[in-house]
């Protein structure tokens, strides 16, 4: 098992390098650059364009250099923990991303745990209680989660809370705690607001996992080896948890690795709707302004979660199915 984990970690290194290269390519795909956007904005507002300042900014941000020079300049700085300088906000990217990345990781991790735990429990229940009232109810929840986008669910939840209780669900903190230093009161206020984005961002993934596990479990419990074990008097609970569930959970674990990047990508738009202090709003602003270092750094961080989710999924799959270690 340890050898398998080390092998997967080593294979992830070239994947990370490819992600870094693709992130830079994505930054360079739009025509023009930040200074072009900046100059156009000045002209549209009627302000005079300072050509000397434009040339100074080009030199400072290496925009007067070839593409490959800019790539190696950015790539080399990444190893020193320097993500570059945001031209839009005129601050180091690391300073802008600091707290926002931690909030994004917190919400995404809790949403992933919520989706996995509830998806597993509900999937097992629906798979072992086919055509019951509970199964029909969870099927409706599953269809709702799959078909309704996260941002629309967030809007519906905000509308319901405001009309029914007069509550505003936006943000992670109440106004009096938004800029206050950390204290027990601020922590409790965070916990009171945190469940909303966790449920909103985790619902779609949870619904998909329910459908996967329910379908696989229903397929397994009707196979001859389960019928034979039941005929030999194996208790129903032991029969379900020891045999068909162990086989049915393999596709569940193989797809679980995609849930983390899916939740994070869905949290970008949801974060804007719920006014969350995550990287979503920064990413939208950076893409519109072509702030290459800020946009590229956020894209890099978000795509890294795909690698992390895949590694976690591979480890869980190898634990559940020893045959996966031979691949």
C-alpha atoms as a PDB file:
ATOM      1  CA  UNK A   1       0.000   0.000   0.000  1.00  0.00           C
ATOM      2  CA  UNK A   2       2.813   2.409   0.897  1.00  0.00           C
ATOM      3  CA  UNK A   3       4.589   1.640  -2.370  1.00  0.00           C
ATOM      4  CA  UNK A   4       1.383   2.378  -4.280  1.00  0.00           C
ATOM      5  CA  UNK A   5       0.941   5.749  -2.512  1.00  0.00           C
ATOM      6  CA  UNK A   6       4.555   6.760  -3.212  1.00  0.00           C
ATOM      7  CA  UNK A   7       4.106   5.796  -6.873  1.00  0.00           C
ATOM      8  CA  UNK A   8       0.980   7.939  -7.175  1.00  0.00           C
ATOM      9  CA  UNK A   9       2.702  10.893  -5.510  1.00  0.00           C
ATOM     10  CA  UNK A  10       5.661  10.642  -7.903  1.00  0.00           C
ATOM     11  CA  UNK A  11       3.330  10.449 -10.911  1.00  0.00           C
ATOM     12  CA  UNK A  12       1.611  13.626  -9.737  1.00  0.00           C
ATOM     13  CA  UNK A  13       4.829  15.670 -10.130  1.00  0.00           C
ATOM     14  CA  UNK A  14       4.761  15.838 -13.969  1.00  0.00           C
ATOM     15  CA  UNK A  15       1.021  16.475 -13.731  1.00  0.00           C
ATOM     16  CA  UNK A  16       1.661  19.515 -11.541  1.00  0.00           C
ATOM     17  CA  UNK A  17       4.292  20.806 -13.982  1.00  0.00           C
ATOM     18  CA  UNK A  18       1.843  20.441 -16.871  1.00  0.00           C
ATOM     19  CA  UNK A  19      -0.788  22.300 -14.836  1.00  0.00           C
ATOM     20  CA  UNK A  20       1.663  25.154 -14.252  1.00  0.00           C
ATOM     21  CA  UNK A  21       2.363  25.365 -17.992  1.00  0.00           C
ATOM     22  CA  UNK A  22      -1.337  25.213 -18.908  1.00  0.00           C
ATOM     23  CA  UNK A  23      -2.156  27.878 -16.321  1.00  0.00           C
ATOM     24  CA  UNK A  24       0.332  30.236 -17.950  1.00  0.00           C
ATOM     25  CA  UNK A  25      -0.993  29.418 -21.434  1.00  0.00           C
ATOM     26  CA  UNK A  26      -4.524  30.236 -20.269  1.00  0.00           C
ATOM     27  CA  UNK A  27      -3.248  33.567 -18.962  1.00  0.00           C
ATOM     28  CA  UNK A  28      -1.717  34.354 -22.343  1.00  0.00           C
ATOM     29  CA  UNK A  29      -4.637  33.197 -24.533  1.00  0.00           C
ATOM     30  CA  UNK A  30      -6.729  36.432 -24.534  1.00  0.00           C
ATOM     31  CA  UNK A  31      -5.477  39.041 -27.026  1.00  0.00           C
ATOM     32  CA  UNK A  32      -3.639  41.989 -25.526  1.00  0.00           C
ATOM     33  CA  UNK A  33      -2.607  42.295 -21.896  1.00  0.00           C
ATOM     34  CA  UNK A  34      -3.431  44.209 -18.738  1.00  0.00           C
ATOM     35  CA  UNK A  35      -1.823  47.398 -19.990  1.00  0.00           C
ATOM     36  CA  UNK A  36      -3.927  47.290 -23.167  1.00  0.00           C
ATOM     37  CA  UNK A  37      -7.070  46.946 -21.052  1.00  0.00           C
ATOM     38  CA  UNK A  38      -5.816  49.671 -18.718  1.00  0.00           C
ATOM     39  CA  UNK A  39      -5.072  52.043 -21.589  1.00  0.00           C
ATOM     40  CA  UNK A  40      -8.480  51.464 -23.217  1.00  0.00           C
ATOM     41  CA  UNK A  41     -10.212  52.108 -19.884  1.00  0.00           C
ATOM     42  CA  UNK A  42      -8.347  55.408 -19.503  1.00  0.00           C
ATOM     43  CA  UNK A  43      -9.283  56.547 -23.001  1.00  0.00           C
ATOM     44  CA  UNK A  44     -12.946  55.624 -22.483  1.00  0.00           C
ATOM     45  CA  UNK A  45     -13.060  57.622 -19.252  1.00  0.00           C
ATOM     46  CA  UNK A  46     -11.542  60.641 -20.997  1.00  0.00           C
ATOM     47  CA  UNK A  47      -8.331  60.577 -18.965  1.00  0.00           C
ATOM     48  CA  UNK A  48      -4.968  61.264 -20.536  1.00  0.00           C
ATOM     49  CA  UNK A  49      -2.736  58.259 -21.117  1.00  0.00           C
ATOM     50  CA  UNK A  50       0.739  58.615 -19.639  1.00  0.00           C
ATOM     51  CA  UNK A  51       2.920  56.755 -22.152  1.00  0.00           C
ATOM     52  CA  UNK A  52       5.928  56.967 -19.856  1.00  0.00           C
ATOM     53  CA  UNK A  53       3.981  55.194 -17.119  1.00  0.00           C
ATOM     54  CA  UNK A  54       2.835  52.534 -19.601  1.00  0.00           C
ATOM     55  CA  UNK A  55       6.454  51.821 -20.591  1.00  0.00           C
ATOM     56  CA  UNK A  56       7.476  51.696 -16.926  1.00  0.00           C
ATOM     57  CA  UNK A  57       4.742  49.165 -16.162  1.00  0.00           C
ATOM     58  CA  UNK A  58       5.768  47.073 -19.164  1.00  0.00           C
ATOM     59  CA  UNK A  59       9.304  46.878 -17.868  1.00  0.00           C
ATOM     60  CA  UNK A  60       8.229  46.179 -14.290  1.00  0.00           C
ATOM     61  CA  UNK A  61       5.903  43.301 -15.223  1.00  0.00           C
ATOM     62  CA  UNK A  62       8.143  41.925 -18.008  1.00  0.00           C
ATOM     63  CA  UNK A  63       5.440  42.605 -20.600  1.00  0.00           C
ATOM     64  CA  UNK A  64       8.111  43.836 -23.004  1.00  0.00           C
ATOM     65  CA  UNK A  65       9.754  40.392 -22.944  1.00  0.00           C
ATOM     66  CA  UNK A  66       8.912  37.316 -25.089  1.00  0.00           C
ATOM     67  CA  UNK A  67       6.332  34.836 -23.813  1.00  0.00           C
ATOM     68  CA  UNK A  68       8.859  32.164 -22.831  1.00  0.00           C
ATOM     69  CA  UNK A  69      10.866  34.688 -20.786  1.00  0.00           C
ATOM     70  CA  UNK A  70       7.741  35.718 -18.880  1.00  0.00           C
ATOM     71  CA  UNK A  71       6.923  32.046 -18.255  1.00  0.00           C
ATOM     72  CA  UNK A  72      10.319  31.191 -16.764  1.00  0.00           C
ATOM     73  CA  UNK A  73      10.238  34.397 -14.731  1.00  0.00           C
ATOM     74  CA  UNK A  74       6.839  33.430 -13.239  1.00  0.00           C
ATOM     75  CA  UNK A  75       7.768  29.740 -12.935  1.00  0.00           C
ATOM     76  CA  UNK A  76      10.984  30.527 -11.072  1.00  0.00           C
ATOM     77  CA  UNK A  77       9.204  32.816  -8.641  1.00  0.00           C
ATOM     78  CA  UNK A  78       6.636  30.113  -7.793  1.00  0.00           C
ATOM     79  CA  UNK A  79       9.305  27.997  -6.084  1.00  0.00           C
ATOM     80  CA  UNK A  80      10.098  30.939  -3.824  1.00  0.00           C
ATOM     81  CA  UNK A  81       6.457  31.341  -2.879  1.00  0.00           C
ATOM     82  CA  UNK A  82       6.171  34.490  -5.009  1.00  0.00           C
ATOM     83  CA  UNK A  83       3.019  34.371  -7.127  1.00  0.00           C
ATOM     84  CA  UNK A  84       3.751  37.698  -8.736  1.00  0.00           C
ATOM     85  CA  UNK A  85       2.263  41.168  -8.446  1.00  0.00           C
ATOM     86  CA  UNK A  86      -1.370  42.039  -9.120  1.00  0.00           C
ATOM     87  CA  UNK A  87      -1.449  44.948 -11.535  1.00  0.00           C
ATOM     88  CA  UNK A  88      -5.161  45.453 -10.923  1.00  0.00           C
ATOM     89  CA  UNK A  89      -4.962  45.791  -7.130  1.00  0.00           C
ATOM     90  CA  UNK A  90      -1.309  46.930  -7.043  1.00  0.00           C
ATOM     91  CA  UNK A  91      -0.480  44.397  -4.349  1.00  0.00           C
ATOM     92  CA  UNK A  92       1.460  41.118  -4.196  1.00  0.00           C
ATOM     93  CA  UNK A  93      -0.765  38.220  -5.240  1.00  0.00           C
ATOM     94  CA  UNK A  94       0.129  36.314  -2.074  1.00  0.00           C
ATOM     95  CA  UNK A  95      -1.247  39.148   0.075  1.00  0.00           C
ATOM     96  CA  UNK A  96      -4.504  39.189  -1.878  1.00  0.00           C
ATOM     97  CA  UNK A  97      -4.995  35.425  -1.760  1.00  0.00           C
ATOM     98  CA  UNK A  98      -3.978  34.819   1.862  1.00  0.00           C
ATOM     99  CA  UNK A  99      -7.264  34.744   3.790  1.00  0.00           C
ATOM    100  CA  UNK A 100      -9.405  34.126   0.704  1.00  0.00           C
ATOM    101  CA  UNK A 101      -7.632  30.865  -0.115  1.00  0.00           C
ATOM    102  CA  UNK A 102      -8.110  29.612   3.462  1.00  0.00           C
ATOM    103  CA  UNK A 103     -11.821  30.452   3.361  1.00  0.00           C
ATOM    104  CA  UNK A 104     -12.105  28.704  -0.017  1.00  0.00           C
ATOM    105  CA  UNK A 105     -10.304  25.629   1.320  1.00  0.00           C
ATOM    106  CA  UNK A 106     -12.463  25.605   4.467  1.00  0.00           C
ATOM    107  CA  UNK A 107     -15.758  25.838   2.579  1.00  0.00           C
ATOM    108  CA  UNK A 108     -14.695  23.356  -0.105  1.00  0.00           C
ATOM    109  CA  UNK A 109     -13.352  20.802   2.409  1.00  0.00           C
ATOM    110  CA  UNK A 110     -16.490  20.924   4.544  1.00  0.00           C
ATOM    111  CA  UNK A 111     -18.699  20.772   1.439  1.00  0.00           C
ATOM    112  CA  UNK A 112     -16.752  17.738   0.207  1.00  0.00           C
ATOM    113  CA  UNK A 113     -17.111  16.003   3.593  1.00  0.00           C
ATOM    114  CA  UNK A 114     -20.827  16.856   3.623  1.00  0.00           C
ATOM    115  CA  UNK A 115     -21.282  15.486   0.092  1.00  0.00           C
ATOM    116  CA  UNK A 116     -19.366  12.265   0.776  1.00  0.00           C
ATOM    117  CA  UNK A 117     -20.936  11.431   4.131  1.00  0.00           C
ATOM    118  CA  UNK A 118     -24.531  12.264   3.221  1.00  0.00           C
ATOM    119  CA  UNK A 119     -24.137  10.803  -0.276  1.00  0.00           C
ATOM    120  CA  UNK A 120     -22.841   7.540   1.169  1.00  0.00           C
ATOM    121  CA  UNK A 121     -25.490   7.199   3.880  1.00  0.00           C
ATOM    122  CA  UNK A 122     -28.414   8.164   1.656  1.00  0.00           C
ATOM    123  CA  UNK A 123     -27.091   6.021  -1.207  1.00  0.00           C
ATOM    124  CA  UNK A 124     -26.896   2.966   1.073  1.00  0.00           C
ATOM    125  CA  UNK A 125     -30.388   3.632   2.441  1.00  0.00           C
ATOM    126  CA  UNK A 126     -31.938   4.085  -1.010  1.00  0.00           C
ATOM    127  CA  UNK A 127     -30.136   1.036  -2.343  1.00  0.00           C
ATOM    128  CA  UNK A 128     -31.405  -1.182   0.485  1.00  0.00           C
ATOM    129  CA  UNK A 129     -34.930   0.329   0.704  1.00  0.00           C
ATOM    130  CA  UNK A 130     -35.960   0.451  -2.923  1.00  0.00           C
ATOM    131  CA  UNK A 131     -39.402   1.940  -3.701  1.00  0.00           C
ATOM    132  CA  UNK A 132     -40.064   3.021  -0.125  1.00  0.00           C
ATOM    133  CA  UNK A 133     -41.282   6.505   0.812  1.00  0.00           C
ATOM    134  CA  UNK A 134     -37.773   7.448   1.916  1.00  0.00           C
ATOM    135  CA  UNK A 135     -36.302   6.196  -1.355  1.00  0.00           C
ATOM    136  CA  UNK A 136     -38.762   8.290  -3.374  1.00  0.00           C
ATOM    137  CA  UNK A 137     -38.066  11.343  -1.215  1.00  0.00           C
ATOM    138  CA  UNK A 138     -34.301  11.036  -1.621  1.00  0.00           C
ATOM    139  CA  UNK A 139     -34.746  10.439  -5.363  1.00  0.00           C
ATOM    140  CA  UNK A 140     -36.526  13.799  -5.598  1.00  0.00           C
ATOM    141  CA  UNK A 141     -33.687  15.401  -3.621  1.00  0.00           C
ATOM    142  CA  UNK A 142     -31.194  13.776  -5.979  1.00  0.00           C
ATOM    143  CA  UNK A 143     -32.921  15.073  -9.104  1.00  0.00           C
ATOM    144  CA  UNK A 144     -33.167  18.529  -7.523  1.00  0.00           C
ATOM    145  CA  UNK A 145     -29.481  18.597  -6.661  1.00  0.00           C
ATOM    146  CA  UNK A 146     -28.376  17.436 -10.108  1.00  0.00           C
ATOM    147  CA  UNK A 147     -30.679  19.710 -12.129  1.00  0.00           C
ATOM    148  CA  UNK A 148     -30.576  22.982 -10.131  1.00  0.00           C
ATOM    149  CA  UNK A 149     -27.309  24.986 -10.432  1.00  0.00           C
ATOM    150  CA  UNK A 150     -25.589  25.912  -7.184  1.00  0.00           C
ATOM    151  CA  UNK A 151     -25.962  29.655  -7.701  1.00  0.00           C
ATOM    152  CA  UNK A 152     -29.714  29.291  -8.329  1.00  0.00           C
ATOM    153  CA  UNK A 153     -30.077  27.164  -5.203  1.00  0.00           C
ATOM    154  CA  UNK A 154     -28.205  29.890  -3.296  1.00  0.00           C
ATOM    155  CA  UNK A 155     -30.584  32.559  -4.610  1.00  0.00           C
ATOM    156  CA  UNK A 156     -33.632  30.456  -3.661  1.00  0.00           C
ATOM    157  CA  UNK A 157     -32.253  29.865  -0.173  1.00  0.00           C
ATOM    158  CA  UNK A 158     -31.492  33.566   0.302  1.00  0.00           C
ATOM    159  CA  UNK A 159     -34.989  34.537  -0.874  1.00  0.00           C
ATOM    160  CA  UNK A 160     -36.642  31.985   1.433  1.00  0.00           C
ATOM    161  CA  UNK A 161     -34.615  33.029   4.481  1.00  0.00           C
ATOM    162  CA  UNK A 162     -35.284  36.724   3.907  1.00  0.00           C
ATOM    163  CA  UNK A 163     -39.038  36.383   3.239  1.00  0.00           C
ATOM    164  CA  UNK A 164     -39.691  33.806   5.985  1.00  0.00           C
ATOM    165  CA  UNK A 165     -37.357  34.985   8.757  1.00  0.00           C
ATOM    166  CA  UNK A 166     -36.026  38.362   7.634  1.00  0.00           C
ATOM    167  CA  UNK A 167     -32.469  36.976   7.629  1.00  0.00           C
ATOM    168  CA  UNK A 168     -29.684  37.945   5.254  1.00  0.00           C
ATOM    169  CA  UNK A 169     -27.552  34.926   4.391  1.00  0.00           C
ATOM    170  CA  UNK A 170     -24.874  36.755   2.416  1.00  0.00           C
ATOM    171  CA  UNK A 171     -21.229  36.673   3.478  1.00  0.00           C
ATOM    172  CA  UNK A 172     -19.465  34.662   6.163  1.00  0.00           C
ATOM    173  CA  UNK A 173     -19.755  37.245   8.924  1.00  0.00           C
ATOM    174  CA  UNK A 174     -22.301  39.654  10.323  1.00  0.00           C
ATOM    175  CA  UNK A 175     -21.504  43.354   9.669  1.00  0.00           C
ATOM    176  CA  UNK A 176     -20.227  43.899  13.214  1.00  0.00           C
ATOM    177  CA  UNK A 177     -17.718  41.033  12.884  1.00  0.00           C
ATOM    178  CA  UNK A 178     -16.622  41.532   9.262  1.00  0.00           C
ATOM    179  CA  UNK A 179     -13.559  43.642  10.074  1.00  0.00           C
ATOM    180  CA  UNK A 180     -13.239  42.821  13.782  1.00  0.00           C
ATOM    181  CA  UNK A 181     -10.236  40.866  15.132  1.00  0.00           C
ATOM    182  CA  UNK A 182     -10.653  37.171  15.809  1.00  0.00           C
ATOM    183  CA  UNK A 183     -12.502  36.240  18.997  1.00  0.00           C
ATOM    184  CA  UNK A 184     -14.875  33.554  20.228  1.00  0.00           C
ATOM    185  CA  UNK A 185     -17.789  35.735  19.135  1.00  0.00           C
ATOM    186  CA  UNK A 186     -16.412  36.040  15.600  1.00  0.00           C
ATOM    187  CA  UNK A 187     -15.752  32.290  15.445  1.00  0.00           C
ATOM    188  CA  UNK A 188     -19.336  31.510  16.500  1.00  0.00           C
ATOM    189  CA  UNK A 189     -20.617  34.034  13.965  1.00  0.00           C
ATOM    190  CA  UNK A 190     -18.564  32.284  11.252  1.00  0.00           C
ATOM    191  CA  UNK A 191     -20.037  28.903  12.214  1.00  0.00           C
ATOM    192  CA  UNK A 192     -23.567  30.362  12.037  1.00  0.00           C
ATOM    193  CA  UNK A 193     -22.962  31.510   8.459  1.00  0.00           C
ATOM    194  CA  UNK A 194     -20.733  28.659   7.285  1.00  0.00           C
ATOM    195  CA  UNK A 195     -23.392  25.959   6.929  1.00  0.00           C
ATOM    196  CA  UNK A 196     -25.144  27.848   4.131  1.00  0.00           C
ATOM    197  CA  UNK A 197     -22.337  27.808   1.517  1.00  0.00           C
ATOM    198  CA  UNK A 198     -21.361  24.287   2.629  1.00  0.00           C
ATOM    199  CA  UNK A 199     -24.840  22.909   1.887  1.00  0.00           C
ATOM    200  CA  UNK A 200     -25.275  24.942  -1.294  1.00  0.00           C
ATOM    201  CA  UNK A 201     -21.946  23.919  -2.826  1.00  0.00           C
ATOM    202  CA  UNK A 202     -22.132  20.306  -1.648  1.00  0.00           C
ATOM    203  CA  UNK A 203     -25.703  19.504  -2.705  1.00  0.00           C
ATOM    204  CA  UNK A 204     -25.041  18.884  -6.404  1.00  0.00           C
ATOM    205  CA  UNK A 205     -22.092  16.587  -5.701  1.00  0.00           C
ATOM    206  CA  UNK A 206     -24.028  14.778  -2.983  1.00  0.00           C
ATOM    207  CA  UNK A 207     -26.909  14.134  -5.402  1.00  0.00           C
ATOM    208  CA  UNK A 208     -24.566  12.657  -8.001  1.00  0.00           C
ATOM    209  CA  UNK A 209     -22.895  10.370  -5.464  1.00  0.00           C
ATOM    210  CA  UNK A 210     -26.301   9.162  -4.250  1.00  0.00           C
ATOM    211  CA  UNK A 211     -27.297   8.125  -7.759  1.00  0.00           C
ATOM    212  CA  UNK A 212     -23.985   6.328  -8.357  1.00  0.00           C
ATOM    213  CA  UNK A 213     -24.019   4.341  -5.101  1.00  0.00           C
ATOM    214  CA  UNK A 214     -27.746   3.539  -5.225  1.00  0.00           C
ATOM    215  CA  UNK A 215     -27.529   2.176  -8.769  1.00  0.00           C
ATOM    216  CA  UNK A 216     -24.454   0.058  -8.069  1.00  0.00           C
ATOM    217  CA  UNK A 217     -25.836  -1.286  -4.797  1.00  0.00           C
ATOM    218  CA  UNK A 218     -29.146  -2.273  -6.386  1.00  0.00           C
ATOM    219  CA  UNK A 219     -27.218  -4.107  -9.069  1.00  0.00           C
ATOM    220  CA  UNK A 220     -25.116  -6.020  -6.522  1.00  0.00           C
ATOM    221  CA  UNK A 221     -27.798  -7.064  -4.012  1.00  0.00           C
ATOM    222  CA  UNK A 222     -29.676  -8.938  -6.738  1.00  0.00           C
ATOM    223  CA  UNK A 223     -26.722 -11.083  -7.781  1.00  0.00           C
ATOM    224  CA  UNK A 224     -26.638 -14.847  -7.071  1.00  0.00           C
ATOM    225  CA  UNK A 225     -23.840 -14.727  -4.481  1.00  0.00           C
ATOM    226  CA  UNK A 226     -25.946 -12.413  -2.299  1.00  0.00           C
ATOM    227  CA  UNK A 227     -28.989 -14.645  -2.656  1.00  0.00           C
ATOM    228  CA  UNK A 228     -26.876 -17.679  -1.717  1.00  0.00           C
ATOM    229  CA  UNK A 229     -25.446 -15.919   1.355  1.00  0.00           C
ATOM    230  CA  UNK A 230     -28.942 -14.911   2.439  1.00  0.00           C
ATOM    231  CA  UNK A 231     -30.135 -18.509   2.025  1.00  0.00           C
ATOM    232  CA  UNK A 232     -27.317 -19.696   4.314  1.00  0.00           C
ATOM    233  CA  UNK A 233     -28.706 -17.465   7.051  1.00  0.00           C
ATOM    234  CA  UNK A 234     -26.237 -14.564   6.940  1.00  0.00           C
ATOM    235  CA  UNK A 235     -27.821 -11.632   8.848  1.00  0.00           C
ATOM    236  CA  UNK A 236     -29.161  -8.917   6.554  1.00  0.00           C
ATOM    237  CA  UNK A 237     -27.040  -6.107   8.016  1.00  0.00           C
ATOM    238  CA  UNK A 238     -23.839  -8.149   7.782  1.00  0.00           C
ATOM    239  CA  UNK A 239     -24.820  -9.306   4.319  1.00  0.00           C
ATOM    240  CA  UNK A 240     -25.254  -5.753   3.069  1.00  0.00           C
ATOM    241  CA  UNK A 241     -22.160  -4.182   4.626  1.00  0.00           C
ATOM    242  CA  UNK A 242     -19.694  -7.009   4.040  1.00  0.00           C
ATOM    243  CA  UNK A 243     -20.427  -8.164   0.502  1.00  0.00           C
ATOM    244  CA  UNK A 244     -22.443  -6.080  -2.020  1.00  0.00           C
ATOM    245  CA  UNK A 245     -21.566  -2.714  -0.475  1.00  0.00           C
ATOM    246  CA  UNK A 246     -17.851  -3.433  -0.667  1.00  0.00           C
ATOM    247  CA  UNK A 247     -18.182  -4.029  -4.411  1.00  0.00           C
ATOM    248  CA  UNK A 248     -20.695  -1.228  -5.041  1.00  0.00           C
ATOM    249  CA  UNK A 249     -18.554   1.358  -3.297  1.00  0.00           C
ATOM    250  CA  UNK A 250     -15.689   0.990  -5.798  1.00  0.00           C
ATOM    251  CA  UNK A 251     -17.294   3.201  -8.508  1.00  0.00           C
ATOM    252  CA  UNK A 252     -18.353   5.575  -5.714  1.00  0.00           C
ATOM    253  CA  UNK A 253     -14.737   6.005  -4.590  1.00  0.00           C
ATOM    254  CA  UNK A 254     -13.416   6.286  -8.141  1.00  0.00           C
ATOM    255  CA  UNK A 255     -15.739   9.232  -8.839  1.00  0.00           C
ATOM    256  CA  UNK A 256     -15.267  10.789  -5.397  1.00  0.00           C
ATOM    257  CA  UNK A 257     -11.923  12.196  -6.517  1.00  0.00           C
ATOM    258  CA  UNK A 258     -13.745  14.524  -8.899  1.00  0.00           C
ATOM    259  CA  UNK A 259     -15.933  15.999  -6.194  1.00  0.00           C
ATOM    260  CA  UNK A 260     -13.310  18.347  -4.736  1.00  0.00           C
ATOM    261  CA  UNK A 261     -12.497  20.205  -7.990  1.00  0.00           C
ATOM    262  CA  UNK A 262     -16.197  20.181  -8.961  1.00  0.00           C
ATOM    263  CA  UNK A 263     -17.149  21.755  -5.639  1.00  0.00           C
ATOM    264  CA  UNK A 264     -14.438  24.394  -5.938  1.00  0.00           C
ATOM    265  CA  UNK A 265     -15.397  25.305  -9.510  1.00  0.00           C
ATOM    266  CA  UNK A 266     -19.046  25.524  -8.464  1.00  0.00           C
ATOM    267  CA  UNK A 267     -18.080  27.610  -5.449  1.00  0.00           C
ATOM    268  CA  UNK A 268     -16.653  30.345  -7.691  1.00  0.00           C
ATOM    269  CA  UNK A 269     -20.061  31.513  -8.944  1.00  0.00           C
ATOM    270  CA  UNK A 270     -21.750  30.629  -5.648  1.00  0.00           C
ATOM    271  CA  UNK A 271     -19.192  32.737  -3.792  1.00  0.00           C
ATOM    272  CA  UNK A 272     -20.134  35.740  -5.927  1.00  0.00           C
ATOM    273  CA  UNK A 273     -23.864  35.189  -5.327  1.00  0.00           C
ATOM    274  CA  UNK A 274     -23.450  34.738  -1.557  1.00  0.00           C
ATOM    275  CA  UNK A 275     -20.839  37.502  -1.317  1.00  0.00           C
ATOM    276  CA  UNK A 276     -18.263  35.148   0.197  1.00  0.00           C
ATOM    277  CA  UNK A 277     -14.655  36.278   0.814  1.00  0.00           C
ATOM    278  CA  UNK A 278     -13.309  33.495  -1.408  1.00  0.00           C
ATOM    279  CA  UNK A 279     -11.203  33.564  -4.567  1.00  0.00           C
ATOM    280  CA  UNK A 280     -14.263  33.615  -6.856  1.00  0.00           C
ATOM    281  CA  UNK A 281     -14.716  37.374  -7.020  1.00  0.00           C
ATOM    282  CA  UNK A 282     -10.975  37.913  -7.393  1.00  0.00           C
ATOM    283  CA  UNK A 283     -10.858  35.466 -10.300  1.00  0.00           C
ATOM    284  CA  UNK A 284     -13.704  37.181 -12.141  1.00  0.00           C
ATOM    285  CA  UNK A 285     -12.119  40.619 -11.718  1.00  0.00           C
ATOM    286  CA  UNK A 286      -8.686  39.355 -12.733  1.00  0.00           C
ATOM    287  CA  UNK A 287     -10.006  37.656 -15.881  1.00  0.00           C
ATOM    288  CA  UNK A 288     -11.939  40.743 -16.958  1.00  0.00           C
ATOM    289  CA  UNK A 289      -8.913  43.002 -16.420  1.00  0.00           C
ATOM    290  CA  UNK A 290      -6.429  40.412 -17.825  1.00  0.00           C
ATOM    291  CA  UNK A 291      -4.407  40.626 -14.633  1.00  0.00           C
ATOM    292  CA  UNK A 292      -2.199  37.719 -15.659  1.00  0.00           C
ATOM    293  CA  UNK A 293      -0.384  36.994 -12.395  1.00  0.00           C
ATOM    294  CA  UNK A 294      -3.507  37.099 -10.236  1.00  0.00           C
ATOM    295  CA  UNK A 295      -5.672  35.088 -12.660  1.00  0.00           C
ATOM    296  CA  UNK A 296      -2.951  32.535 -13.330  1.00  0.00           C
ATOM    297  CA  UNK A 297      -2.206  32.028  -9.636  1.00  0.00           C
ATOM    298  CA  UNK A 298      -5.877  31.430  -8.807  1.00  0.00           C
ATOM    299  CA  UNK A 299      -6.295  29.024 -11.738  1.00  0.00           C
ATOM    300  CA  UNK A 300      -3.159  27.193 -10.613  1.00  0.00           C
ATOM    301  CA  UNK A 301      -4.399  26.857  -7.030  1.00  0.00           C
ATOM    302  CA  UNK A 302      -7.846  25.672  -8.105  1.00  0.00           C
ATOM    303  CA  UNK A 303      -6.523  23.097 -10.561  1.00  0.00           C
ATOM    304  CA  UNK A 304      -4.126  21.738  -7.942  1.00  0.00           C
ATOM    305  CA  UNK A 305      -7.184  20.511  -6.070  1.00  0.00           C
ATOM    306  CA  UNK A 306      -7.896  18.230  -9.022  1.00  0.00           C
ATOM    307  CA  UNK A 307      -4.571  16.514  -8.411  1.00  0.00           C
ATOM    308  CA  UNK A 308      -5.216  16.297  -4.671  1.00  0.00           C
ATOM    309  CA  UNK A 309      -8.719  14.905  -5.211  1.00  0.00           C
ATOM    310  CA  UNK A 310      -7.416  12.313  -7.673  1.00  0.00           C
ATOM    311  CA  UNK A 311      -4.686  11.151  -5.281  1.00  0.00           C
ATOM    312  CA  UNK A 312      -7.204  10.831  -2.427  1.00  0.00           C
ATOM    313  CA  UNK A 313      -9.542   8.900  -4.712  1.00  0.00           C
ATOM    314  CA  UNK A 314      -6.741   6.538  -5.806  1.00  0.00           C
ATOM    315  CA  UNK A 315      -5.748   5.845  -2.198  1.00  0.00           C
ATOM    316  CA  UNK A 316      -9.340   5.123  -1.160  1.00  0.00           C
ATOM    317  CA  UNK A 317      -9.824   2.922  -4.217  1.00  0.00           C
ATOM    318  CA  UNK A 318      -6.665   0.943  -3.431  1.00  0.00           C
ATOM    319  CA  UNK A 319      -7.872   0.483   0.155  1.00  0.00           C
ATOM    320  CA  UNK A 320     -11.283  -0.801  -0.960  1.00  0.00           C
ATOM    321  CA  UNK A 321     -10.064  -2.858  -3.937  1.00  0.00           C
ATOM    322  CA  UNK A 322      -6.542  -4.334  -3.652  1.00  0.00           C
ATOM    323  CA  UNK A 323      -6.596  -5.076  -7.398  1.00  0.00           C
ATOM    324  CA  UNK A 324      -6.164  -1.341  -8.065  1.00  0.00           C
ATOM    325  CA  UNK A 325      -2.660  -1.483  -6.554  1.00  0.00           C
ATOM    326  CA  UNK A 326      -1.527  -3.735  -9.417  1.00  0.00           C
ATOM    327  CA  UNK A 327      -2.351  -1.148 -12.076  1.00  0.00           C
END
